Amino acid sequence: MIIKKSKQKCTSHYRHDNCKCCRKRPSPCSCCDQDIKIINNINCCPPIPPTPLPPSQVLNAETSQYTALSGGVKTVYTNQDKEPQFSTSDILNPNDVTYINLYINGILQPNSIYHVQAGKLTLLVGPNEVPRNGVPIILQFIKIFPS
């Protein structure tokens, strides 16, 4: 949505009326002879920086990753398939971590196309959907600890 103010005398000062962050009326309009554009209902006010959390509410996290290169055929990867120069862990037990993300060629994958067990990653894809030879397969493990 684009709103253009006409070149008439400004009567409503509506430029902040639809502002989602403050709903404040602006000071007297100095732009009566200029066009004002509001594009796609974007907030007009500058963003307010977030209030930092108190230290007691900040959680500690630890990340690690398993990296392998696709062979172009296989759908099951084990700890023996990892690339040690890019991996910081083996394939961890899903019960020992908070989140697991799978990236194939840098793209986050839905959890419906893979299954993780301790030491084993299985891609639940058909033979025509197996990643090409040399494509990186990265399992990211995230553990969140209370502070």
N, C-alpha and C. Protein backbone atom coordinates (compact mmCIF):
# COMPACT_ATOMS: atom_id res chain seq x y z
N MET A 1 0.84 -1.16 0.00
CA MET A 1 0.00 0.00 0.00
C MET A 1 0.89 1.23 0.00
N ILE A 2 0.64 2.15 -0.91
CA ILE A 2 1.37 3.41 -0.97
C ILE A 2 0.37 4.54 -0.78
N ILE A 3 0.63 5.41 0.17
CA ILE A 3 -0.23 6.56 0.43
C ILE A 3 0.57 7.79 0.06
N LYS A 4 -0.01 8.62 -0.77
CA LYS A 4 0.63 9.89 -1.11
C LYS A 4 -0.24 11.02 -0.60
N LYS A 5 0.37 11.95 0.04
CA LYS A 5 -0.33 13.12 0.52
C LYS A 5 -0.39 14.13 -0.61
N SER A 6 -1.53 14.72 -0.76
CA SER A 6 -1.67 15.70 -1.84
C SER A 6 -0.91 16.97 -1.50
N LYS A 7 -0.80 17.85 -2.47
CA LYS A 7 -0.06 19.09 -2.29
C LYS A 7 -0.95 20.18 -1.66
N GLN A 8 -1.98 19.76 -0.94
CA GLN A 8 -2.85 20.72 -0.29
C GLN A 8 -2.33 21.00 1.12
N LYS A 9 -2.99 21.92 1.78
CA LYS A 9 -2.65 22.19 3.17
C LYS A 9 -2.90 20.92 3.99
N CYS A 10 -2.01 20.64 4.88
CA CYS A 10 -2.10 19.44 5.70
C CYS A 10 -3.12 19.69 6.81
N THR A 11 -4.13 18.83 6.91
CA THR A 11 -5.14 19.00 7.94
C THR A 11 -5.14 17.87 8.96
N SER A 12 -4.64 16.73 8.60
CA SER A 12 -4.76 15.60 9.53
C SER A 12 -3.45 15.17 10.17
N HIS A 13 -2.33 15.54 9.62
CA HIS A 13 -1.03 15.09 10.13
C HIS A 13 -1.05 13.58 10.35
N TYR A 14 -1.49 12.85 9.36
CA TYR A 14 -1.70 11.41 9.51
C TYR A 14 -0.44 10.60 9.35
N ARG A 15 0.67 11.19 9.20
CA ARG A 15 1.87 10.45 8.87
C ARG A 15 2.25 9.44 9.94
N HIS A 16 1.92 9.64 11.21
CA HIS A 16 2.21 8.67 12.27
C HIS A 16 0.95 7.97 12.78
N ASP A 17 -0.20 8.29 12.24
CA ASP A 17 -1.44 7.72 12.76
C ASP A 17 -1.43 6.20 12.71
N ASN A 18 -0.83 5.62 11.69
CA ASN A 18 -0.84 4.17 11.56
C ASN A 18 0.46 3.53 12.05
N CYS A 19 1.26 4.28 12.74
CA CYS A 19 2.52 3.75 13.25
C CYS A 19 2.23 2.68 14.29
N LYS A 20 2.77 1.50 14.08
CA LYS A 20 2.48 0.38 14.97
C LYS A 20 3.28 0.43 16.25
N CYS A 21 4.35 1.22 16.31
CA CYS A 21 5.18 1.18 17.50
C CYS A 21 4.86 2.26 18.51
N CYS A 22 4.33 3.41 18.12
CA CYS A 22 4.12 4.44 19.14
C CYS A 22 2.76 5.11 19.05
N ARG A 23 2.14 5.12 17.91
CA ARG A 23 0.84 5.77 17.69
C ARG A 23 0.82 7.22 18.18
N LYS A 24 1.97 7.89 18.09
CA LYS A 24 2.06 9.28 18.52
C LYS A 24 1.74 10.20 17.34
N ARG A 25 1.17 11.30 17.66
CA ARG A 25 0.94 12.33 16.65
C ARG A 25 2.25 13.10 16.47
N PRO A 26 2.61 13.44 15.26
CA PRO A 26 3.85 14.19 15.07
C PRO A 26 3.69 15.64 15.48
N SER A 27 4.80 16.28 15.59
CA SER A 27 4.76 17.71 15.83
C SER A 27 4.17 18.38 14.59
N PRO A 28 3.82 19.65 14.66
CA PRO A 28 3.19 20.30 13.51
C PRO A 28 3.95 20.01 12.21
N CYS A 29 3.18 19.77 11.21
CA CYS A 29 3.71 19.29 9.93
C CYS A 29 4.52 20.38 9.22
N SER A 30 5.72 20.02 8.81
CA SER A 30 6.54 20.96 8.04
C SER A 30 6.65 20.49 6.60
N CYS A 31 5.83 19.56 6.24
CA CYS A 31 5.98 18.94 4.92
C CYS A 31 4.74 19.12 4.06
N CYS A 32 3.94 20.11 4.30
CA CYS A 32 2.68 20.27 3.58
C CYS A 32 2.87 20.39 2.08
N ASP A 33 4.04 20.81 1.64
CA ASP A 33 4.26 20.96 0.22
C ASP A 33 5.05 19.80 -0.37
N GLN A 34 5.23 18.74 0.38
CA GLN A 34 5.98 17.59 -0.12
C GLN A 34 5.13 16.34 -0.04
N ASP A 35 5.44 15.35 -0.87
CA ASP A 35 4.74 14.07 -0.83
C ASP A 35 5.27 13.25 0.33
N ILE A 36 4.37 12.57 1.02
CA ILE A 36 4.75 11.65 2.09
C ILE A 36 4.33 10.26 1.61
N LYS A 37 5.23 9.30 1.71
CA LYS A 37 4.91 7.94 1.30
C LYS A 37 4.97 7.02 2.51
N ILE A 38 3.95 6.20 2.67
CA ILE A 38 3.96 5.13 3.66
C ILE A 38 3.85 3.85 2.84
N ILE A 39 4.88 3.05 2.87
CA ILE A 39 4.93 1.87 2.01
C ILE A 39 4.73 0.62 2.86
N ASN A 40 3.73 -0.18 2.51
CA ASN A 40 3.47 -1.48 3.14
C ASN A 40 3.35 -1.40 4.65
N ASN A 41 2.79 -0.35 5.18
CA ASN A 41 2.56 -0.20 6.61
C ASN A 41 3.81 -0.42 7.45
N ILE A 42 4.96 -0.01 6.95
CA ILE A 42 6.21 -0.14 7.69
C ILE A 42 6.21 0.88 8.81
N ASN A 43 6.71 0.48 9.97
CA ASN A 43 6.77 1.41 11.09
C ASN A 43 7.53 2.66 10.70
N CYS A 44 7.01 3.80 11.14
CA CYS A 44 7.65 5.06 10.80
C CYS A 44 8.71 5.46 11.81
N CYS A 45 8.59 5.01 13.03
CA CYS A 45 9.50 5.43 14.08
C CYS A 45 10.78 4.60 14.06
N PRO A 46 11.87 5.17 14.54
CA PRO A 46 13.10 4.38 14.61
C PRO A 46 12.93 3.25 15.62
N PRO A 47 13.59 2.13 15.41
CA PRO A 47 13.44 1.01 16.34
C PRO A 47 14.00 1.34 17.72
N ILE A 48 13.37 0.77 18.71
CA ILE A 48 13.82 0.95 20.09
C ILE A 48 14.69 -0.26 20.43
N PRO A 49 15.91 -0.06 20.94
CA PRO A 49 16.76 -1.21 21.25
C PRO A 49 16.12 -2.05 22.35
N PRO A 50 16.28 -3.38 22.28
CA PRO A 50 15.68 -4.23 23.30
C PRO A 50 16.32 -4.02 24.67
N THR A 51 15.52 -4.23 25.68
CA THR A 51 16.04 -4.13 27.04
C THR A 51 16.82 -5.40 27.33
N PRO A 52 18.07 -5.29 27.78
CA PRO A 52 18.84 -6.50 28.06
C PRO A 52 18.23 -7.30 29.21
N LEU A 53 18.34 -8.62 29.10
CA LEU A 53 17.84 -9.48 30.16
C LEU A 53 18.78 -9.41 31.37
N PRO A 54 18.22 -9.53 32.56
CA PRO A 54 19.11 -9.62 33.72
C PRO A 54 19.92 -10.91 33.64
N PRO A 55 21.13 -10.93 34.19
CA PRO A 55 21.98 -12.11 34.09
C PRO A 55 21.32 -13.39 34.58
N SER A 56 20.37 -13.29 35.50
CA SER A 56 19.73 -14.49 36.02
C SER A 56 18.81 -15.15 34.99
N GLN A 57 18.42 -14.43 33.92
CA GLN A 57 17.52 -14.98 32.91
C GLN A 57 18.25 -15.40 31.64
N VAL A 58 19.54 -15.19 31.55
CA VAL A 58 20.30 -15.58 30.37
C VAL A 58 20.66 -17.06 30.50
N LEU A 59 20.40 -17.81 29.45
CA LEU A 59 20.70 -19.24 29.45
C LEU A 59 22.07 -19.49 28.82
N ASN A 60 22.74 -20.50 29.28
CA ASN A 60 24.01 -20.91 28.68
C ASN A 60 23.73 -21.94 27.60
N ALA A 61 24.49 -21.88 26.53
CA ALA A 61 24.31 -22.83 25.43
C ALA A 61 25.67 -23.31 24.96
N GLU A 62 25.64 -24.50 24.39
CA GLU A 62 26.85 -25.10 23.82
C GLU A 62 26.45 -25.69 22.47
N THR A 63 27.26 -25.43 21.45
CA THR A 63 26.97 -25.99 20.14
C THR A 63 28.13 -26.87 19.68
N SER A 64 27.79 -27.84 18.88
CA SER A 64 28.79 -28.69 18.24
C SER A 64 28.22 -29.15 16.92
N GLN A 65 29.11 -29.66 16.07
CA GLN A 65 28.61 -30.11 14.77
C GLN A 65 29.36 -31.32 14.27
N TYR A 66 28.60 -32.12 13.52
CA TYR A 66 29.13 -33.28 12.81
C TYR A 66 29.05 -32.93 11.33
N THR A 67 30.14 -33.10 10.63
CA THR A 67 30.16 -32.79 9.20
C THR A 67 30.64 -34.00 8.42
N ALA A 68 29.92 -34.31 7.34
CA ALA A 68 30.32 -35.38 6.42
C ALA A 68 30.11 -34.85 5.01
N LEU A 69 30.74 -35.51 4.05
CA LEU A 69 30.53 -35.18 2.64
C LEU A 69 29.74 -36.30 2.01
N SER A 70 28.73 -35.92 1.24
CA SER A 70 27.88 -36.92 0.60
C SER A 70 28.71 -37.75 -0.38
N GLY A 71 28.38 -39.03 -0.42
CA GLY A 71 29.01 -39.92 -1.40
C GLY A 71 28.22 -39.97 -2.69
N GLY A 72 27.05 -39.32 -2.73
CA GLY A 72 26.23 -39.31 -3.93
C GLY A 72 25.28 -40.48 -4.03
N VAL A 73 25.43 -41.47 -3.12
CA VAL A 73 24.60 -42.67 -3.19
C VAL A 73 23.99 -43.01 -1.83
N LYS A 74 24.79 -42.91 -0.79
CA LYS A 74 24.36 -43.42 0.52
C LYS A 74 23.42 -42.47 1.24
N THR A 75 22.59 -43.07 2.09
CA THR A 75 21.64 -42.30 2.89
C THR A 75 21.89 -42.49 4.39
N VAL A 76 22.84 -43.33 4.77
CA VAL A 76 23.17 -43.57 6.16
C VAL A 76 24.61 -43.14 6.41
N TYR A 77 24.79 -42.27 7.42
CA TYR A 77 26.12 -41.76 7.77
C TYR A 77 26.38 -42.10 9.22
N THR A 78 27.62 -42.46 9.51
CA THR A 78 28.01 -42.83 10.88
C THR A 78 29.18 -41.96 11.32
N ASN A 79 29.62 -42.16 12.55
CA ASN A 79 30.75 -41.40 13.08
C ASN A 79 32.01 -41.61 12.24
N GLN A 80 32.15 -42.75 11.60
CA GLN A 80 33.32 -43.02 10.76
C GLN A 80 33.34 -42.18 9.48
N ASP A 81 32.19 -41.62 9.09
CA ASP A 81 32.10 -40.82 7.86
C ASP A 81 32.42 -39.34 8.09
N LYS A 82 32.66 -38.96 9.33
CA LYS A 82 32.83 -37.52 9.60
C LYS A 82 34.13 -36.99 9.00
N GLU A 83 34.10 -35.71 8.70
CA GLU A 83 35.28 -34.98 8.24
C GLU A 83 35.88 -34.32 9.48
N PRO A 84 36.99 -34.87 10.02
CA PRO A 84 37.50 -34.37 11.29
C PRO A 84 37.90 -32.90 11.28
N GLN A 85 38.35 -32.38 10.13
CA GLN A 85 38.78 -30.98 10.11
C GLN A 85 37.60 -30.01 10.21
N PHE A 86 36.37 -30.50 9.97
CA PHE A 86 35.18 -29.63 10.04
C PHE A 86 34.23 -30.02 11.17
N SER A 87 34.48 -31.11 11.85
CA SER A 87 33.58 -31.61 12.90
C SER A 87 34.14 -31.30 14.28
N THR A 88 33.23 -31.00 15.19
CA THR A 88 33.63 -30.81 16.58
C THR A 88 33.08 -31.91 17.47
N SER A 89 32.30 -32.84 16.88
CA SER A 89 31.77 -33.95 17.67
C SER A 89 31.36 -35.08 16.74
N ASP A 90 31.09 -36.23 17.36
CA ASP A 90 30.46 -37.34 16.65
C ASP A 90 28.97 -37.04 16.56
N ILE A 91 28.20 -37.99 16.04
CA ILE A 91 26.75 -37.85 16.02
C ILE A 91 26.25 -38.15 17.43
N LEU A 92 25.70 -37.13 18.08
CA LEU A 92 25.29 -37.24 19.48
C LEU A 92 23.92 -37.88 19.61
N ASN A 93 23.66 -38.40 20.80
CA ASN A 93 22.35 -38.96 21.11
C ASN A 93 21.34 -37.81 21.17
N PRO A 94 20.22 -37.90 20.46
CA PRO A 94 19.24 -36.82 20.48
C PRO A 94 18.68 -36.53 21.87
N ASN A 95 18.71 -37.51 22.76
CA ASN A 95 18.21 -37.30 24.13
C ASN A 95 19.16 -36.46 24.98
N ASP A 96 20.38 -36.27 24.50
CA ASP A 96 21.39 -35.51 25.26
C ASP A 96 21.52 -34.06 24.80
N VAL A 97 20.73 -33.66 23.80
CA VAL A 97 20.81 -32.30 23.28
C VAL A 97 19.42 -31.67 23.27
N THR A 98 19.38 -30.35 23.17
CA THR A 98 18.11 -29.64 23.15
C THR A 98 17.55 -29.53 21.74
N TYR A 99 18.40 -29.20 20.77
CA TYR A 99 17.99 -29.04 19.38
C TYR A 99 18.99 -29.72 18.46
N ILE A 100 18.48 -30.22 17.33
CA ILE A 100 19.32 -30.74 16.26
C ILE A 100 18.85 -30.10 14.96
N ASN A 101 19.78 -29.56 14.20
CA ASN A 101 19.48 -29.01 12.88
C ASN A 101 20.32 -29.74 11.85
N LEU A 102 19.73 -30.06 10.72
CA LEU A 102 20.46 -30.68 9.61
C LEU A 102 20.53 -29.69 8.46
N TYR A 103 21.75 -29.48 7.96
CA TYR A 103 21.98 -28.62 6.80
C TYR A 103 22.59 -29.49 5.70
N ILE A 104 21.99 -29.45 4.54
CA ILE A 104 22.55 -30.12 3.37
C ILE A 104 22.88 -29.04 2.36
N ASN A 105 24.15 -28.96 2.01
CA ASN A 105 24.64 -27.92 1.11
C ASN A 105 24.28 -26.52 1.63
N GLY A 106 24.32 -26.37 2.96
CA GLY A 106 24.05 -25.07 3.58
C GLY A 106 22.59 -24.73 3.77
N ILE A 107 21.67 -25.62 3.39
CA ILE A 107 20.24 -25.35 3.49
C ILE A 107 19.66 -26.14 4.66
N LEU A 108 18.97 -25.45 5.57
CA LEU A 108 18.32 -26.10 6.70
C LEU A 108 17.24 -27.04 6.19
N GLN A 109 17.23 -28.28 6.69
CA GLN A 109 16.28 -29.30 6.23
C GLN A 109 15.19 -29.52 7.28
N PRO A 110 13.97 -29.86 6.82
CA PRO A 110 12.91 -30.19 7.79
C PRO A 110 13.22 -31.51 8.48
N ASN A 111 12.81 -31.63 9.74
CA ASN A 111 13.15 -32.85 10.47
C ASN A 111 12.42 -34.08 9.96
N SER A 112 11.50 -33.92 9.04
CA SER A 112 10.78 -35.07 8.47
C SER A 112 11.62 -35.85 7.45
N ILE A 113 12.78 -35.32 7.03
CA ILE A 113 13.58 -36.04 6.02
C ILE A 113 14.81 -36.71 6.61
N TYR A 114 14.93 -36.73 7.95
CA TYR A 114 16.08 -37.41 8.54
C TYR A 114 15.74 -37.96 9.92
N HIS A 115 16.55 -38.92 10.33
CA HIS A 115 16.41 -39.54 11.65
C HIS A 115 17.80 -39.64 12.26
N VAL A 116 17.92 -39.25 13.53
CA VAL A 116 19.21 -39.26 14.20
C VAL A 116 19.16 -40.22 15.38
N GLN A 117 20.17 -41.06 15.47
CA GLN A 117 20.42 -41.91 16.63
C GLN A 117 21.86 -41.66 17.04
N ALA A 118 22.23 -42.08 18.23
CA ALA A 118 23.62 -41.91 18.65
C ALA A 118 24.53 -42.63 17.65
N GLY A 119 25.41 -41.88 17.00
CA GLY A 119 26.37 -42.46 16.06
C GLY A 119 25.84 -42.72 14.67
N LYS A 120 24.58 -42.32 14.37
CA LYS A 120 24.00 -42.65 13.07
C LYS A 120 23.01 -41.59 12.60
N LEU A 121 23.18 -41.13 11.37
CA LEU A 121 22.26 -40.21 10.69
C LEU A 121 21.68 -40.93 9.49
N THR A 122 20.36 -40.99 9.39
CA THR A 122 19.69 -41.61 8.25
C THR A 122 18.88 -40.56 7.51
N LEU A 123 19.16 -40.40 6.23
CA LEU A 123 18.37 -39.50 5.38
C LEU A 123 17.17 -40.28 4.86
N LEU A 124 15.97 -39.77 5.08
CA LEU A 124 14.74 -40.44 4.67
C LEU A 124 14.30 -39.89 3.32
N VAL A 125 15.13 -40.13 2.31
CA VAL A 125 14.87 -39.61 0.96
C VAL A 125 14.91 -40.75 -0.04
N GLY A 126 14.29 -40.52 -1.18
CA GLY A 126 14.31 -41.51 -2.25
C GLY A 126 15.65 -41.49 -2.97
N PRO A 127 15.87 -42.49 -3.85
CA PRO A 127 17.16 -42.59 -4.55
C PRO A 127 17.46 -41.38 -5.45
N ASN A 128 16.44 -40.69 -5.92
CA ASN A 128 16.66 -39.52 -6.77
C ASN A 128 16.87 -38.24 -5.97
N GLU A 129 16.73 -38.32 -4.65
CA GLU A 129 16.86 -37.13 -3.80
C GLU A 129 18.11 -37.15 -2.94
N VAL A 130 18.98 -38.14 -3.14
CA VAL A 130 20.22 -38.23 -2.37
C VAL A 130 21.12 -37.07 -2.79
N PRO A 131 21.75 -36.39 -1.82
CA PRO A 131 22.65 -35.28 -2.18
C PRO A 131 23.76 -35.75 -3.12
N ARG A 132 24.16 -34.88 -4.02
CA ARG A 132 25.23 -35.20 -4.97
C ARG A 132 26.55 -35.44 -4.26
N ASN A 133 27.44 -36.09 -4.95
CA ASN A 133 28.76 -36.40 -4.42
C ASN A 133 29.50 -35.12 -4.02
N GLY A 134 30.05 -35.12 -2.80
CA GLY A 134 30.83 -33.98 -2.32
C GLY A 134 30.04 -32.89 -1.63
N VAL A 135 28.71 -33.00 -1.58
CA VAL A 135 27.88 -31.98 -0.92
C VAL A 135 28.03 -32.11 0.60
N PRO A 136 28.27 -31.00 1.32
CA PRO A 136 28.42 -31.09 2.78
C PRO A 136 27.10 -31.39 3.48
N ILE A 137 27.17 -32.27 4.46
CA ILE A 137 26.04 -32.63 5.31
C ILE A 137 26.46 -32.28 6.73
N ILE A 138 25.75 -31.34 7.34
CA ILE A 138 26.14 -30.83 8.66
C ILE A 138 24.99 -31.04 9.64
N LEU A 139 25.28 -31.75 10.72
CA LEU A 139 24.34 -31.88 11.83
C LEU A 139 24.81 -30.92 12.92
N GLN A 140 23.97 -30.00 13.30
CA GLN A 140 24.29 -29.04 14.36
C GLN A 140 23.56 -29.48 15.63
N PHE A 141 24.30 -29.54 16.72
CA PHE A 141 23.74 -29.92 18.01
C PHE A 141 23.79 -28.71 18.93
N ILE A 142 22.67 -28.43 19.59
CA ILE A 142 22.58 -27.30 20.52
C ILE A 142 22.11 -27.82 21.86
N LYS A 143 22.90 -27.57 22.91
CA LYS A 143 22.52 -27.91 24.27
C LYS A 143 22.30 -26.60 25.02
N ILE A 144 21.15 -26.46 25.67
CA ILE A 144 20.85 -25.27 26.46
C ILE A 144 20.82 -25.67 27.93
N PHE A 145 21.57 -24.94 28.73
CA PHE A 145 21.68 -25.21 30.15
C PHE A 145 21.05 -24.07 30.94
N PRO A 146 20.43 -24.39 32.07
CA PRO A 146 19.95 -23.28 32.92
C PRO A 146 21.14 -22.54 33.51
N SER A 147 20.96 -21.26 33.75
CA SER A 147 22.07 -20.46 34.27
C SER A 147 22.29 -20.69 35.74
